[in-house]
């Protein structure tokens, strides 16, 4: 509570898991930007790679081949109700 005006405000907090806490720097910014609170700047300590992130061109996928291979894998004699079928699918999938 502000001692002169009697107005109240909330504490500015930032929550992060302990495993990520060392990867970020927390600091208040001096410019209020018209607010009565200092903005908080949360910055990553990791350098950002200029390498592009992988992405998929969904429109160029061969969906007919995908459907055929999926159907073949799912209709083989491998049981679909246990963990072995998941391992089988993951190990034989070439998509």
N, C-alpha and C. Protein backbone atom coordinates (compact mmCIF):
# COMPACT_ATOMS: atom_id res chain seq x y z
N UNK A 1 0.85 -1.17 0.00
CA UNK A 1 0.00 0.00 0.00
C UNK A 1 0.90 1.24 0.00
N UNK A 2 0.55 2.18 -0.87
CA UNK A 2 1.32 3.41 -0.97
C UNK A 2 1.04 4.26 0.26
N UNK A 3 2.09 4.71 0.98
CA UNK A 3 1.87 5.44 2.24
C UNK A 3 1.16 6.78 2.09
N UNK A 4 1.29 7.45 0.95
CA UNK A 4 0.69 8.76 0.77
C UNK A 4 -0.72 8.66 0.20
N UNK A 5 -0.87 7.91 -0.88
CA UNK A 5 -2.16 7.87 -1.57
C UNK A 5 -3.08 6.77 -1.06
N UNK A 6 -2.53 5.77 -0.39
CA UNK A 6 -3.34 4.66 0.09
C UNK A 6 -3.67 3.64 -0.97
N UNK A 7 -3.15 3.84 -2.19
CA UNK A 7 -3.42 2.85 -3.24
C UNK A 7 -2.57 1.60 -3.02
N UNK A 8 -3.08 0.49 -3.52
CA UNK A 8 -2.34 -0.76 -3.34
C UNK A 8 -1.87 -1.28 -4.68
N UNK A 9 -0.89 -2.15 -4.64
CA UNK A 9 -0.38 -2.77 -5.86
C UNK A 9 0.07 -4.19 -5.55
N UNK A 10 0.25 -4.96 -6.59
CA UNK A 10 0.69 -6.34 -6.43
C UNK A 10 2.21 -6.42 -6.56
N UNK A 11 2.78 -7.41 -5.91
CA UNK A 11 4.22 -7.66 -6.03
C UNK A 11 4.48 -8.26 -7.41
N UNK A 12 5.50 -7.79 -8.08
CA UNK A 12 5.86 -8.34 -9.38
C UNK A 12 6.70 -9.60 -9.17
N UNK A 13 6.17 -10.74 -9.62
CA UNK A 13 6.85 -12.02 -9.46
C UNK A 13 7.02 -12.69 -10.81
N UNK A 14 8.05 -13.49 -10.91
CA UNK A 14 8.24 -14.34 -12.07
C UNK A 14 8.54 -15.73 -11.53
N UNK A 15 7.77 -16.72 -11.99
CA UNK A 15 7.97 -18.10 -11.55
C UNK A 15 8.68 -18.89 -12.63
N UNK A 16 9.65 -19.68 -12.22
CA UNK A 16 10.38 -20.54 -13.14
C UNK A 16 10.83 -21.77 -12.36
N UNK A 17 10.90 -22.90 -13.04
CA UNK A 17 11.35 -24.12 -12.36
C UNK A 17 12.83 -24.01 -12.04
N UNK A 18 13.28 -24.69 -10.98
CA UNK A 18 14.70 -24.62 -10.61
C UNK A 18 15.63 -25.04 -11.74
N UNK A 19 15.21 -26.00 -12.56
CA UNK A 19 16.08 -26.46 -13.64
C UNK A 19 16.30 -25.39 -14.71
N UNK A 20 15.38 -24.43 -14.83
CA UNK A 20 15.53 -23.37 -15.81
C UNK A 20 16.07 -22.08 -15.22
N UNK A 21 16.11 -21.98 -13.92
CA UNK A 21 16.44 -20.70 -13.28
C UNK A 21 17.82 -20.18 -13.64
N UNK A 22 18.77 -21.06 -13.87
CA UNK A 22 20.12 -20.60 -14.22
C UNK A 22 20.24 -20.22 -15.68
N UNK A 23 19.21 -20.52 -16.47
CA UNK A 23 19.26 -20.20 -17.90
C UNK A 23 18.71 -18.82 -18.21
N UNK A 24 18.20 -18.11 -17.19
CA UNK A 24 17.58 -16.81 -17.43
C UNK A 24 18.10 -15.76 -16.46
N UNK A 25 18.06 -14.52 -16.91
CA UNK A 25 18.42 -13.38 -16.07
C UNK A 25 17.17 -12.53 -15.89
N UNK A 26 16.89 -12.14 -14.65
CA UNK A 26 15.71 -11.36 -14.30
C UNK A 26 16.20 -9.98 -13.88
N UNK A 27 15.65 -8.94 -14.49
CA UNK A 27 16.02 -7.59 -14.03
C UNK A 27 14.89 -6.62 -14.35
N UNK A 28 14.68 -5.67 -13.45
CA UNK A 28 13.68 -4.62 -13.72
C UNK A 28 14.25 -3.61 -14.71
N UNK A 29 13.38 -3.08 -15.56
CA UNK A 29 13.77 -2.06 -16.54
C UNK A 29 13.49 -0.70 -15.92
N UNK A 30 14.40 0.25 -16.10
CA UNK A 30 14.26 1.56 -15.48
C UNK A 30 13.11 2.39 -16.01
N UNK A 31 12.75 2.25 -17.27
CA UNK A 31 11.68 3.05 -17.87
C UNK A 31 10.33 2.48 -17.44
N UNK A 32 9.51 3.28 -16.80
CA UNK A 32 8.21 2.84 -16.30
C UNK A 32 7.18 2.66 -17.42
N UNK A 33 7.39 3.26 -18.56
CA UNK A 33 6.44 3.20 -19.68
C UNK A 33 5.04 3.62 -19.24
N UNK A 34 4.96 4.61 -18.36
CA UNK A 34 3.67 5.14 -17.90
C UNK A 34 3.03 4.34 -16.78
N UNK A 35 3.68 3.31 -16.30
CA UNK A 35 3.12 2.48 -15.23
C UNK A 35 3.69 2.92 -13.89
N UNK A 36 3.10 2.41 -12.82
CA UNK A 36 3.68 2.67 -11.50
C UNK A 36 4.55 1.50 -11.04
N UNK A 37 4.79 0.56 -11.95
CA UNK A 37 5.66 -0.59 -11.68
C UNK A 37 6.78 -0.63 -12.70
N UNK A 38 7.92 -1.09 -12.26
CA UNK A 38 9.02 -1.29 -13.20
C UNK A 38 8.74 -2.55 -14.01
N UNK A 39 8.84 -2.48 -15.33
CA UNK A 39 8.67 -3.69 -16.12
C UNK A 39 9.80 -4.68 -15.82
N UNK A 40 9.51 -5.94 -15.95
CA UNK A 40 10.50 -6.99 -15.71
C UNK A 40 10.97 -7.54 -17.04
N UNK A 41 12.28 -7.63 -17.19
CA UNK A 41 12.87 -8.19 -18.39
C UNK A 41 13.45 -9.55 -18.03
N UNK A 42 12.92 -10.59 -18.64
CA UNK A 42 13.40 -11.95 -18.44
C UNK A 42 14.17 -12.34 -19.69
N UNK A 43 15.48 -12.50 -19.57
CA UNK A 43 16.34 -12.75 -20.73
C UNK A 43 16.98 -14.13 -20.63
N UNK A 44 17.06 -14.79 -21.78
CA UNK A 44 17.72 -16.09 -21.83
C UNK A 44 19.23 -15.90 -21.85
N UNK A 45 19.93 -16.71 -21.10
CA UNK A 45 21.39 -16.66 -21.08
C UNK A 45 21.98 -17.51 -22.20
N UNK A 46 21.15 -18.27 -22.89
CA UNK A 46 21.62 -19.14 -23.97
C UNK A 46 21.62 -18.34 -25.26
N UNK A 47 22.67 -18.54 -26.05
CA UNK A 47 22.70 -17.86 -27.34
C UNK A 47 21.73 -18.58 -28.28
N UNK A 48 21.08 -17.80 -29.09
CA UNK A 48 20.12 -18.36 -30.04
C UNK A 48 20.87 -18.74 -31.31
N UNK A 49 20.71 -19.97 -31.69
CA UNK A 49 21.37 -20.45 -32.90
C UNK A 49 20.73 -19.81 -34.12
N UNK A 50 21.56 -19.45 -35.07
CA UNK A 50 21.04 -18.87 -36.29
C UNK A 50 20.57 -19.95 -37.26
N UNK A 51 20.82 -21.19 -36.88
CA UNK A 51 20.37 -22.30 -37.72
C UNK A 51 18.86 -22.39 -37.66
N UNK A 52 18.24 -22.63 -38.81
CA UNK A 52 16.79 -22.72 -38.86
C UNK A 52 16.29 -23.97 -38.14
N UNK A 53 15.18 -23.84 -37.49
CA UNK A 53 14.55 -24.98 -36.85
C UNK A 53 13.93 -25.86 -37.93
N UNK A 54 13.94 -27.17 -37.73
CA UNK A 54 13.32 -28.04 -38.73
C UNK A 54 11.82 -27.82 -38.79
N UNK A 55 11.28 -27.95 -39.96
CA UNK A 55 9.83 -27.82 -40.14
C UNK A 55 9.40 -28.74 -41.28
N UNK A 56 8.14 -28.96 -41.40
CA UNK A 56 7.61 -29.87 -42.40
C UNK A 56 6.76 -29.09 -43.40
N UNK A 57 6.84 -29.50 -44.65
CA UNK A 57 5.98 -28.94 -45.69
C UNK A 57 4.85 -29.95 -45.89
N UNK A 58 3.82 -29.79 -45.08
CA UNK A 58 2.71 -30.73 -45.06
C UNK A 58 2.05 -30.85 -46.43
N UNK A 59 2.01 -29.77 -47.17
CA UNK A 59 1.35 -29.80 -48.47
C UNK A 59 2.13 -30.62 -49.49
N UNK A 60 3.42 -30.88 -49.24
CA UNK A 60 4.23 -31.64 -50.18
C UNK A 60 4.39 -33.10 -49.75
N UNK A 61 3.72 -33.50 -48.71
CA UNK A 61 3.82 -34.88 -48.23
C UNK A 61 3.14 -35.83 -49.20
N UNK A 62 3.66 -37.03 -49.29
CA UNK A 62 3.03 -38.07 -50.11
C UNK A 62 2.05 -38.82 -49.21
N UNK A 63 0.83 -38.30 -49.11
CA UNK A 63 -0.15 -38.85 -48.17
C UNK A 63 -0.63 -40.24 -48.58
N UNK A 64 -0.63 -40.52 -49.87
CA UNK A 64 -1.03 -41.86 -50.32
C UNK A 64 -0.03 -42.90 -49.83
N UNK A 65 1.27 -42.60 -49.99
CA UNK A 65 2.31 -43.51 -49.50
C UNK A 65 2.24 -43.63 -47.98
N UNK A 66 2.04 -42.51 -47.29
CA UNK A 66 1.92 -42.54 -45.83
C UNK A 66 0.77 -43.44 -45.39
N UNK A 67 -0.38 -43.30 -46.05
CA UNK A 67 -1.55 -44.10 -45.68
C UNK A 67 -1.30 -45.58 -45.96
N UNK A 68 -0.70 -45.88 -47.09
CA UNK A 68 -0.41 -47.28 -47.44
C UNK A 68 0.54 -47.91 -46.43
N UNK A 69 1.63 -47.21 -46.13
CA UNK A 69 2.61 -47.75 -45.18
C UNK A 69 2.02 -47.86 -43.78
N UNK A 70 1.22 -46.91 -43.40
CA UNK A 70 0.57 -46.96 -42.07
C UNK A 70 -0.36 -48.15 -41.99
N UNK A 71 -1.18 -48.33 -43.02
CA UNK A 71 -2.10 -49.47 -43.04
C UNK A 71 -1.35 -50.79 -43.00
N UNK A 72 -0.26 -50.89 -43.76
CA UNK A 72 0.54 -52.12 -43.76
C UNK A 72 1.12 -52.41 -42.38
N UNK A 73 1.65 -51.39 -41.76
CA UNK A 73 2.23 -51.59 -40.43
C UNK A 73 1.18 -51.95 -39.39
N UNK A 74 0.02 -51.35 -39.49
CA UNK A 74 -1.01 -51.57 -38.49
C UNK A 74 -1.80 -52.86 -38.70
N UNK A 75 -1.74 -53.43 -39.88
CA UNK A 75 -2.49 -54.66 -40.13
C UNK A 75 -1.62 -55.91 -40.07
N UNK A 76 -0.32 -55.74 -39.84
CA UNK A 76 0.55 -56.91 -39.69
C UNK A 76 0.14 -57.68 -38.44
N UNK A 77 0.69 -58.85 -38.26
CA UNK A 77 0.27 -59.72 -37.17
C UNK A 77 0.73 -59.26 -35.79
N UNK A 78 1.24 -58.07 -35.69
CA UNK A 78 1.67 -57.54 -34.40
C UNK A 78 0.45 -57.13 -33.58
N UNK A 79 0.35 -57.63 -32.35
CA UNK A 79 -0.80 -57.23 -31.51
C UNK A 79 -0.77 -55.74 -31.22
N UNK A 80 -1.94 -55.11 -31.24
CA UNK A 80 -2.03 -53.67 -31.01
C UNK A 80 -2.39 -53.31 -29.57
N UNK A 81 -2.47 -54.29 -28.71
CA UNK A 81 -2.92 -53.99 -27.35
C UNK A 81 -1.83 -54.09 -26.30
N UNK A 82 -0.57 -54.08 -26.70
CA UNK A 82 0.48 -54.12 -25.70
C UNK A 82 1.65 -53.21 -26.07
N UNK A 83 2.58 -53.07 -25.20
CA UNK A 83 3.72 -52.16 -25.38
C UNK A 83 4.61 -52.60 -26.54
N UNK A 84 4.68 -53.92 -26.83
CA UNK A 84 5.52 -54.40 -27.92
C UNK A 84 5.09 -53.81 -29.26
N UNK A 85 3.80 -53.61 -29.47
CA UNK A 85 3.34 -53.07 -30.74
C UNK A 85 3.81 -51.63 -30.92
N UNK A 86 3.90 -50.87 -29.84
CA UNK A 86 4.39 -49.49 -29.92
C UNK A 86 5.87 -49.51 -30.29
N UNK A 87 6.64 -50.38 -29.64
CA UNK A 87 8.06 -50.48 -29.97
C UNK A 87 8.25 -50.94 -31.41
N UNK A 88 7.44 -51.91 -31.86
CA UNK A 88 7.52 -52.39 -33.23
C UNK A 88 7.27 -51.25 -34.21
N UNK A 89 6.22 -50.51 -33.99
CA UNK A 89 5.87 -49.40 -34.88
C UNK A 89 6.97 -48.35 -34.90
N UNK A 90 7.50 -47.98 -33.73
CA UNK A 90 8.55 -46.97 -33.67
C UNK A 90 9.83 -47.43 -34.35
N UNK A 91 10.13 -48.70 -34.24
CA UNK A 91 11.38 -49.22 -34.83
C UNK A 91 11.27 -49.47 -36.33
N UNK A 92 10.08 -49.66 -36.86
CA UNK A 92 9.94 -49.95 -38.29
C UNK A 92 9.41 -48.77 -39.07
N UNK A 93 8.97 -47.75 -38.41
CA UNK A 93 8.40 -46.60 -39.11
C UNK A 93 9.50 -45.83 -39.83
N UNK A 94 9.26 -45.49 -41.06
CA UNK A 94 10.26 -44.75 -41.87
C UNK A 94 9.68 -43.44 -42.38
N UNK A 95 8.78 -42.83 -41.65
CA UNK A 95 8.12 -41.61 -42.10
C UNK A 95 8.93 -40.43 -41.71
